[in-house]
Amino acid sequence: MTVVAFAVAAAAGAVVRFRLSPFGWRATLAVNLAGSFLLGLLVATRGAASDAATVFGTGFCGALTTFGTFA
């Protein structure tokens, strides 16, 4: 079940990034800041080994930020 949730979260992050991409470098900066902040908030509250960190942190935030795009 975690794999399906991960795929859905990653798809959602990619769609958000794609929708913001026409706005240029400002959108890139905004999604990187938002993704990093959300990932830090998630790890601080839930811990890095939780299913939420896997699904939302790696899935959504990874697909949202340019690190996920670069990797």
Protein backbone atom coordinates (compact mmCIF):
# COMPACT_ATOMS: atom_id res chain seq x y z
CA MET A 1 0.00 0.00 0.00
CA THR A 2 2.90 2.35 0.71
CA VAL A 3 4.16 1.91 -2.85
CA VAL A 4 0.81 3.02 -4.31
CA ALA A 5 0.62 6.02 -1.96
CA PHE A 6 4.20 6.91 -2.86
CA ALA A 7 3.40 6.83 -6.59
CA VAL A 8 0.29 8.99 -6.12
CA ALA A 9 2.20 11.53 -4.01
CA ALA A 10 5.06 11.66 -6.51
CA ALA A 11 2.61 12.20 -9.36
CA ALA A 12 0.96 15.03 -7.44
CA GLY A 13 4.31 16.70 -6.77
CA ALA A 14 5.28 16.42 -10.43
CA VAL A 15 1.97 17.95 -11.54
CA VAL A 16 2.37 20.90 -9.15
CA ARG A 17 5.89 21.50 -10.42
CA PHE A 18 4.77 21.25 -14.05
CA ARG A 19 1.94 23.74 -13.48
CA LEU A 20 4.32 26.26 -11.95
CA SER A 21 7.13 25.83 -14.49
CA PRO A 22 5.90 28.59 -16.90
CA PHE A 23 6.71 31.17 -14.21
CA GLY A 24 10.46 30.66 -14.66
CA TRP A 25 13.17 30.88 -12.03
CA ARG A 26 10.82 32.33 -9.41
CA ALA A 27 8.73 29.17 -9.53
CA THR A 28 11.87 27.04 -9.22
CA LEU A 29 12.92 28.98 -6.16
CA ALA A 30 9.43 28.79 -4.66
CA VAL A 31 9.04 25.02 -5.10
CA ASN A 32 12.53 24.36 -3.74
CA LEU A 33 11.86 26.46 -0.66
CA ALA A 34 8.41 24.96 -0.13
CA GLY A 35 9.60 21.38 -0.66
CA SER A 36 12.56 21.80 1.69
CA PHE A 37 10.42 23.44 4.35
CA LEU A 38 7.73 20.75 4.14
CA LEU A 39 10.29 17.96 4.28
CA GLY A 40 12.01 19.50 7.30
CA LEU A 41 8.68 19.99 9.05
CA LEU A 42 7.67 16.41 8.33
CA VAL A 43 10.90 14.89 9.59
CA ALA A 44 10.84 17.08 12.70
CA THR A 45 7.31 16.00 13.63
CA ARG A 46 7.07 12.40 12.39
CA GLY A 47 10.66 11.20 12.17
CA ALA A 48 12.62 10.07 9.15
CA ALA A 49 11.70 6.39 9.43
CA SER A 50 7.93 6.80 9.26
CA ASP A 51 5.68 5.85 6.38
CA ALA A 52 4.61 9.50 6.10
CA ALA A 53 8.23 10.50 5.48
CA THR A 54 8.50 7.88 2.76
CA VAL A 55 5.25 8.78 1.03
CA PHE A 56 5.06 12.54 1.44
CA GLY A 57 8.72 13.37 1.97
CA THR A 58 10.33 11.28 -0.71
CA GLY A 59 7.31 11.08 -2.98
CA PHE A 60 5.70 14.51 -3.03
CA CYS A 61 8.61 16.70 -1.90
CA GLY A 62 11.12 14.76 -3.98
CA ALA A 63 9.07 15.18 -7.14
CA LEU A 64 8.33 18.81 -6.32
CA THR A 65 11.88 20.04 -5.82
CA THR A 66 14.61 20.24 -8.42
CA PHE A 67 16.62 17.63 -6.54
CA GLY A 68 13.98 15.07 -7.44
CA THR A 69 14.00 16.29 -11.02
CA PHE A 70 17.81 16.20 -11.20
CA ALA A 71 18.07 12.72 -9.66
